[in-house]
Amino acid sequence: MDPVTHVATGVILSQLLPTPSRVWGAVAGAVFALLPDLDYLLMAVDRLAFLRHHRGFTHSLIAIPLFALLGTGVGRALAGPRWFRPLFFLGLAVLVSHLILDLATPFGTQIFSPFTRRKVALDWLFIIDPYLTFLLAAGAGAALFFPSWGRQAGAFFLTAGAAYILLCGVYHHRALALAHQVFPEKPGEVTVAALPQPFSCRRWHLIGAGPERISQAFIQLPYLACLGRGAAVKITEATTINCNQDCRVPPVPYQPPQDLTVQTWTGAWPAPREFPPEARRILDIYLEFARFPLLFRAQYLGEEQLVEWLDLRFSVPGRTFPFVLQFHLDSQGRLQKWLLGRRQGEEP
Protein backbone atom coordinates (compact mmCIF):
# COMPACT_ATOMS: atom_id res chain seq x y z
CA MET A 1 0.00 0.00 0.00
CA ASP A 2 1.17 3.55 -0.68
CA PRO A 3 2.83 5.74 2.02
CA VAL A 4 -0.05 8.26 2.16
CA THR A 5 -2.50 5.56 3.21
CA HIS A 6 -0.09 4.21 5.82
CA VAL A 7 0.56 7.67 7.28
CA ALA A 8 -3.17 8.50 7.41
CA THR A 9 -3.82 5.27 9.33
CA GLY A 10 -0.98 6.05 11.75
CA VAL A 11 -2.33 9.55 12.42
CA ILE A 12 -5.85 8.27 13.12
CA LEU A 13 -4.57 5.66 15.56
CA SER A 14 -2.42 8.28 17.30
CA GLN A 15 -5.57 10.31 18.04
CA LEU A 16 -7.59 7.33 19.23
CA LEU A 17 -4.91 6.02 21.62
CA PRO A 18 -3.83 8.11 24.64
CA THR A 19 -0.55 10.03 24.31
CA PRO A 20 0.87 13.01 26.27
CA SER A 21 0.54 15.27 23.21
CA ARG A 22 -1.90 15.00 20.30
CA VAL A 23 0.45 16.73 17.85
CA TRP A 24 3.59 14.81 18.78
CA GLY A 25 1.53 11.66 18.96
CA ALA A 26 0.50 12.24 15.35
CA VAL A 27 4.16 12.70 14.38
CA ALA A 28 5.00 9.43 16.13
CA GLY A 29 2.12 7.66 14.39
CA ALA A 30 3.35 8.84 10.99
CA VAL A 31 6.93 7.76 11.75
CA PHE A 32 5.83 4.31 12.90
CA ALA A 33 3.71 3.99 9.74
CA LEU A 34 6.75 4.58 7.52
CA LEU A 35 9.32 2.53 9.44
CA PRO A 36 8.71 -0.81 7.64
CA ASP A 37 9.17 0.87 4.27
CA LEU A 38 12.77 1.79 5.03
CA ASP A 39 13.58 -1.05 2.64
CA TYR A 40 12.62 1.31 -0.21
CA LEU A 41 16.14 2.68 0.20
CA LEU A 42 17.36 -0.52 -1.46
CA MET A 43 16.00 0.85 -4.76
CA ALA A 44 18.72 3.50 -4.79
CA VAL A 45 21.43 0.91 -4.09
CA ASP A 46 20.47 -2.17 -6.10
CA ARG A 47 17.19 -2.90 -7.87
CA LEU A 48 17.76 -6.64 -7.55
CA ALA A 49 18.14 -6.24 -3.79
CA PHE A 50 14.87 -4.31 -3.78
CA LEU A 51 13.07 -7.14 -5.60
CA ARG A 52 14.51 -9.69 -3.21
CA HIS A 53 14.12 -7.89 0.11
CA HIS A 54 11.24 -5.39 -0.24
CA ARG A 55 8.48 -6.42 2.14
CA GLY A 56 10.93 -8.82 3.72
CA PHE A 57 12.18 -8.71 7.31
CA THR A 58 10.99 -5.13 7.92
CA HIS A 59 7.44 -6.37 7.22
CA SER A 60 7.68 -9.55 9.29
CA LEU A 61 5.84 -10.46 12.46
CA ILE A 62 9.13 -10.39 14.36
CA ALA A 63 9.89 -6.84 13.20
CA ILE A 64 6.68 -5.43 14.72
CA PRO A 65 7.77 -5.54 18.39
CA LEU A 66 11.36 -4.71 17.45
CA PHE A 67 10.35 -1.54 15.58
CA ALA A 68 7.91 -0.64 18.37
CA LEU A 69 10.69 -0.91 20.94
CA LEU A 70 13.10 1.02 18.72
CA GLY A 71 10.69 3.91 18.25
CA THR A 72 9.73 3.84 21.92
CA GLY A 73 13.37 4.01 22.97
CA VAL A 74 14.02 7.02 20.76
CA GLY A 75 10.88 8.74 22.00
CA ARG A 76 11.78 8.12 25.63
CA ALA A 77 15.27 9.52 25.07
CA LEU A 78 13.86 12.67 23.43
CA ALA A 79 10.73 13.32 25.53
CA GLY A 80 11.14 11.46 28.79
CA PRO A 81 9.85 8.28 30.45
CA ARG A 82 6.16 9.29 30.36
CA TRP A 83 6.20 8.60 26.60
CA PHE A 84 7.46 5.03 26.89
CA ARG A 85 4.20 3.17 27.48
CA PRO A 86 1.99 5.26 25.11
CA LEU A 87 4.56 5.06 22.31
CA PHE A 88 4.98 1.31 22.65
CA PHE A 89 1.26 0.56 22.31
CA LEU A 90 0.88 3.15 19.54
CA GLY A 91 3.81 1.60 17.70
CA LEU A 92 2.33 -1.90 17.94
CA ALA A 93 -1.06 -0.70 16.65
CA VAL A 94 0.37 1.29 13.72
CA LEU A 95 2.84 -1.42 12.68
CA VAL A 96 0.11 -4.07 12.73
CA SER A 97 -2.07 -1.81 10.56
CA HIS A 98 0.83 -1.40 8.11
CA LEU A 99 1.19 -5.17 7.85
CA ILE A 100 -2.56 -5.68 7.32
CA LEU A 101 -2.73 -3.08 4.55
CA ASP A 102 0.24 -4.58 2.73
CA LEU A 103 -1.08 -8.13 3.08
CA ALA A 104 -4.30 -7.03 1.37
CA THR A 105 -2.42 -6.25 -1.88
CA PRO A 106 -1.09 -8.79 -4.43
CA PHE A 107 2.57 -7.73 -4.10
CA GLY A 108 3.39 -10.35 -1.48
CA THR A 109 4.76 -9.89 2.06
CA GLN A 110 7.31 -12.09 3.82
CA ILE A 111 5.59 -12.04 7.20
CA PHE A 112 7.50 -15.10 8.45
CA SER A 113 10.95 -13.74 7.60
CA PRO A 114 13.72 -14.63 8.46
CA PHE A 115 12.52 -18.23 8.84
CA THR A 116 11.17 -18.44 5.30
CA ARG A 117 11.00 -16.23 2.22
CA ARG A 118 7.46 -17.38 1.44
CA LYS A 119 5.24 -14.45 0.48
CA VAL A 120 1.66 -14.02 1.64
CA ALA A 121 -0.89 -11.97 -0.32
CA LEU A 122 -4.66 -11.72 0.15
CA ASP A 123 -5.19 -10.09 -3.30
CA TRP A 124 -8.02 -7.89 -2.01
CA LEU A 125 -6.75 -4.38 -2.85
CA PHE A 126 -4.79 -2.82 -5.68
CA ILE A 127 -1.45 -1.37 -4.56
CA ILE A 128 -2.92 2.15 -4.74
CA ASP A 129 -6.60 2.47 -3.80
CA PRO A 130 -7.83 6.08 -3.88
CA TYR A 131 -11.14 5.24 -2.16
CA LEU A 132 -9.44 3.73 0.87
CA THR A 133 -6.88 6.53 0.91
CA PHE A 134 -9.67 9.15 0.88
CA LEU A 135 -11.50 7.51 3.79
CA LEU A 136 -8.39 7.28 5.94
CA ALA A 137 -7.06 10.73 5.00
CA ALA A 138 -10.45 12.29 5.83
CA GLY A 139 -10.43 10.54 9.19
CA ALA A 140 -6.86 11.63 9.92
CA GLY A 141 -7.62 15.27 9.07
CA ALA A 142 -10.77 15.34 11.18
CA ALA A 143 -9.13 13.65 14.17
CA LEU A 144 -6.10 15.93 14.09
CA PHE A 145 -7.62 19.35 13.36
CA PHE A 146 -11.01 19.15 15.10
CA PRO A 147 -10.35 17.91 18.63
CA SER A 148 -13.93 18.42 19.85
CA TRP A 149 -15.51 15.88 17.51
CA GLY A 150 -12.57 14.71 15.42
CA ARG A 151 -11.85 11.54 17.40
CA GLN A 152 -15.36 10.26 16.76
CA ALA A 153 -15.02 11.14 13.08
CA GLY A 154 -11.62 9.45 12.93
CA ALA A 155 -13.06 6.29 14.48
CA PHE A 156 -15.93 6.38 11.98
CA PHE A 157 -13.65 6.74 8.94
CA LEU A 158 -11.29 4.07 10.26
CA THR A 159 -14.25 1.71 10.64
CA ALA A 160 -15.48 2.65 7.16
CA GLY A 161 -12.03 1.88 5.75
CA ALA A 162 -12.02 -1.52 7.45
CA ALA A 163 -15.51 -2.22 6.08
CA TYR A 164 -14.34 -1.25 2.59
CA ILE A 165 -11.39 -3.66 2.83
CA LEU A 166 -13.75 -6.46 3.90
CA LEU A 167 -16.09 -5.61 1.00
CA CYS A 168 -13.16 -5.96 -1.40
CA GLY A 169 -12.42 -9.30 0.23
CA VAL A 170 -15.98 -10.48 -0.45
CA TYR A 171 -15.77 -9.41 -4.10
CA HIS A 172 -12.41 -11.18 -4.32
CA HIS A 173 -14.01 -14.39 -3.07
CA ARG A 174 -16.62 -14.17 -5.84
CA ALA A 175 -14.00 -13.32 -8.49
CA LEU A 176 -11.80 -16.22 -7.42
CA ALA A 177 -14.75 -18.62 -7.65
CA LEU A 178 -15.33 -17.43 -11.22
CA ALA A 179 -11.62 -17.84 -11.99
CA HIS A 180 -11.85 -21.49 -10.97
CA GLN A 181 -14.76 -21.88 -13.41
CA VAL A 182 -12.87 -20.24 -16.26
CA PHE A 183 -9.54 -21.99 -15.57
CA PRO A 184 -10.10 -25.42 -14.00
CA GLU A 185 -7.28 -25.86 -11.51
CA LYS A 186 -5.11 -28.96 -11.63
CA PRO A 187 -2.74 -29.38 -8.66
CA GLY A 188 0.84 -28.89 -9.79
CA GLU A 189 -0.23 -27.88 -13.32
CA VAL A 190 -2.49 -24.81 -13.26
CA THR A 191 -2.30 -21.92 -10.79
CA VAL A 192 -5.43 -19.76 -10.55
CA ALA A 193 -5.79 -16.28 -9.06
CA ALA A 194 -8.11 -13.27 -9.03
CA LEU A 195 -6.11 -10.05 -8.76
CA PRO A 196 -7.53 -6.58 -8.02
CA GLN A 197 -7.64 -3.80 -10.58
CA PRO A 198 -7.48 -0.02 -9.99
CA PHE A 199 -10.45 2.28 -9.30
CA SER A 200 -13.12 -0.34 -8.60
CA CYS A 201 -13.62 -3.19 -6.17
CA ARG A 202 -15.76 -4.90 -8.84
CA ARG A 203 -13.00 -5.11 -11.46
CA TRP A 204 -10.73 -8.14 -11.36
CA HIS A 205 -7.98 -9.76 -13.34
CA LEU A 206 -8.58 -13.52 -13.60
CA ILE A 207 -5.51 -15.57 -14.44
CA GLY A 208 -4.73 -19.23 -14.97
CA ALA A 209 -1.07 -20.17 -15.43
CA GLY A 210 0.13 -23.58 -16.56
CA PRO A 211 3.27 -25.16 -18.00
CA GLU A 212 2.29 -24.51 -21.63
CA ARG A 213 0.23 -21.32 -21.60
CA ILE A 214 -1.00 -18.48 -19.44
CA SER A 215 -4.59 -17.29 -19.88
CA GLN A 216 -6.28 -14.23 -18.42
CA ALA A 217 -9.55 -12.33 -18.50
CA PHE A 218 -10.68 -8.96 -17.17
CA ILE A 219 -14.05 -9.03 -15.47
CA GLN A 220 -16.45 -6.58 -13.86
CA LEU A 221 -18.67 -8.21 -11.27
CA PRO A 222 -22.29 -7.14 -10.79
CA TYR A 223 -23.03 -5.06 -7.70
CA LEU A 224 -24.95 -7.91 -6.07
CA ALA A 225 -22.00 -10.28 -6.40
CA CYS A 226 -21.06 -9.25 -2.85
CA LEU A 227 -24.33 -10.87 -1.73
CA GLY A 228 -23.48 -14.11 -3.46
CA ARG A 229 -25.67 -13.38 -6.46
CA GLY A 230 -23.86 -13.65 -9.76
CA ALA A 231 -24.46 -14.98 -13.22
CA ALA A 232 -22.69 -18.05 -14.55
CA VAL A 233 -19.61 -17.54 -16.68
CA LYS A 234 -20.02 -17.71 -20.44
CA ILE A 235 -16.87 -17.51 -22.57
CA THR A 236 -17.83 -16.02 -25.93
CA GLU A 237 -14.42 -15.70 -27.56
CA ALA A 238 -10.80 -16.75 -27.13
CA THR A 239 -7.86 -14.71 -28.34
CA THR A 240 -4.17 -15.54 -28.61
CA ILE A 241 -1.67 -12.83 -27.77
CA ASN A 242 1.51 -12.70 -29.83
CA CYS A 243 4.47 -12.37 -27.49
CA ASN A 244 6.32 -10.11 -29.96
CA GLN A 245 3.81 -7.29 -29.56
CA ASP A 246 4.55 -4.14 -27.61
CA CYS A 247 5.11 -4.89 -23.95
CA ARG A 248 1.69 -3.75 -22.81
CA VAL A 249 -1.60 -5.41 -21.92
CA PRO A 250 -4.16 -5.30 -24.76
CA PRO A 251 -6.63 -2.43 -24.11
CA VAL A 252 -9.65 -4.69 -23.60
CA PRO A 253 -12.76 -3.58 -21.67
CA TYR A 254 -13.80 -5.11 -18.38
CA GLN A 255 -16.58 -7.56 -19.20
CA PRO A 256 -19.49 -9.08 -17.28
CA PRO A 257 -19.36 -12.82 -16.53
CA GLN A 258 -22.03 -13.45 -19.18
CA ASP A 259 -19.81 -12.16 -21.99
CA LEU A 260 -16.23 -13.03 -21.08
CA THR A 261 -13.22 -12.96 -23.40
CA VAL A 262 -10.21 -15.07 -22.45
CA GLN A 263 -6.77 -14.08 -23.71
CA THR A 264 -4.00 -16.65 -24.00
CA TRP A 265 -0.33 -15.73 -23.97
CA THR A 266 1.77 -18.03 -26.12
CA GLY A 267 4.96 -17.62 -24.10
CA ALA A 268 3.94 -19.59 -20.98
CA TRP A 269 6.31 -20.24 -18.08
CA PRO A 270 10.04 -19.59 -18.61
CA ALA A 271 11.73 -22.74 -19.84
CA PRO A 272 15.02 -23.87 -18.22
CA ARG A 273 18.01 -22.56 -20.13
CA GLU A 274 21.75 -22.35 -19.79
CA PHE A 275 22.98 -18.85 -18.95
CA PRO A 276 26.28 -17.51 -17.65
CA PRO A 277 26.48 -17.54 -13.82
CA GLU A 278 25.82 -13.78 -13.47
CA ALA A 279 22.79 -13.94 -15.77
CA ARG A 280 21.49 -17.04 -13.96
CA ARG A 281 21.77 -15.26 -10.60
CA ILE A 282 19.81 -12.25 -11.89
CA LEU A 283 17.16 -14.46 -13.46
CA ASP A 284 16.75 -16.55 -10.32
CA ILE A 285 16.12 -13.43 -8.23
CA TYR A 286 13.60 -12.16 -10.77
CA LEU A 287 11.73 -15.48 -10.98
CA GLU A 288 11.58 -15.62 -7.18
CA PHE A 289 9.91 -12.20 -7.25
CA ALA A 290 7.59 -12.79 -10.23
CA ARG A 291 4.35 -14.52 -9.34
CA PHE A 292 3.23 -15.20 -12.93
CA PRO A 293 6.43 -14.95 -15.01
CA LEU A 294 6.23 -15.01 -18.79
CA LEU A 295 9.08 -15.50 -21.24
CA PHE A 296 7.84 -12.65 -23.38
CA ARG A 297 10.45 -12.48 -26.11
CA ALA A 298 13.60 -14.24 -27.31
CA GLN A 299 14.91 -12.98 -30.66
CA TYR A 300 18.06 -11.92 -32.48
CA LEU A 301 18.72 -8.25 -33.16
CA GLY A 302 21.67 -8.43 -35.53
CA GLU A 303 24.52 -10.15 -33.68
CA GLU A 304 22.81 -9.64 -30.33
CA GLN A 305 20.10 -11.77 -28.75
CA LEU A 306 17.38 -10.15 -26.64
CA VAL A 307 15.62 -12.26 -24.01
CA GLU A 308 12.81 -10.66 -22.04
CA TRP A 309 10.57 -11.66 -19.13
CA LEU A 310 7.63 -9.96 -17.47
CA ASP A 311 5.22 -10.64 -14.60
CA LEU A 312 1.55 -10.95 -15.62
CA ARG A 313 0.54 -10.23 -12.03
CA PHE A 314 0.70 -6.52 -12.87
CA SER A 315 -1.63 -6.64 -15.89
CA VAL A 316 -3.87 -3.58 -16.33
CA PRO A 317 -5.60 -3.14 -19.73
CA GLY A 318 -3.73 -0.77 -22.01
CA ARG A 319 -0.83 -0.22 -19.60
CA THR A 320 2.81 -1.26 -19.89
CA PHE A 321 4.24 -3.75 -17.45
CA PRO A 322 6.27 -2.20 -14.60
CA PHE A 323 8.73 -5.06 -13.94
CA VAL A 324 10.35 -6.21 -17.20
CA LEU A 325 13.70 -8.02 -17.18
CA GLN A 326 15.86 -7.83 -20.33
CA PHE A 327 19.03 -9.76 -21.14
CA HIS A 328 21.23 -8.63 -24.02
CA LEU A 329 23.47 -11.54 -25.02
CA ASP A 330 26.22 -11.68 -27.60
CA SER A 331 26.50 -14.36 -30.31
CA GLN A 332 28.26 -16.65 -27.81
CA GLY A 333 25.48 -16.32 -25.22
CA ARG A 334 27.50 -14.08 -22.91
CA LEU A 335 25.64 -11.41 -20.97
CA GLN A 336 26.45 -7.94 -22.33
CA LYS A 337 23.98 -5.93 -20.27
CA TRP A 338 20.70 -6.32 -18.44
CA LEU A 339 17.84 -3.95 -17.67
CA LEU A 340 15.06 -4.08 -15.09
CA GLY A 341 12.02 -1.81 -15.34
CA ARG A 342 9.81 -0.64 -18.16
CA ARG A 343 11.07 -1.30 -21.65
CA GLN A 344 13.28 1.52 -22.86
CA GLY A 345 11.45 4.13 -24.91
CA GLU A 346 8.03 3.29 -23.47
CA GLU A 347 5.85 5.78 -21.71
CA PRO A 348 5.32 5.26 -17.93
Foldseek 3Di string as FASTA:
>chain_A
DDLLLLLLQLLLLLLQFDAPDSVVSSVLSSCLSCQLVPLVVVVVVDVLCCLQDRLHPSLAPVNQQVSLQVSLVVCCVVPNDSGNVRSSVSSNVSSVVSNVVQQAAPQFHHHVPPVDSHTHHLQLDHPDAVVLSVLSNVLSVQSRPPVVCSSVSNVVSVVVSVVVSVLSSLLQVLQQVLLCVVAVDDVPFKDWGWHDDYDDSQWTKTWIAGQFKIKIWIAGFDPCVSVVDADHADEDEEEEDQLPDAQAAAQDDHYHRPYIYMYMYRQGDDDDDDAPPVVVVSVVSVVVSAPGKGFRDWQDDDQKIKTKIAHCSPHDHPGGGFWMKIFIAGNVRHTPDIDTTTPPPDDD
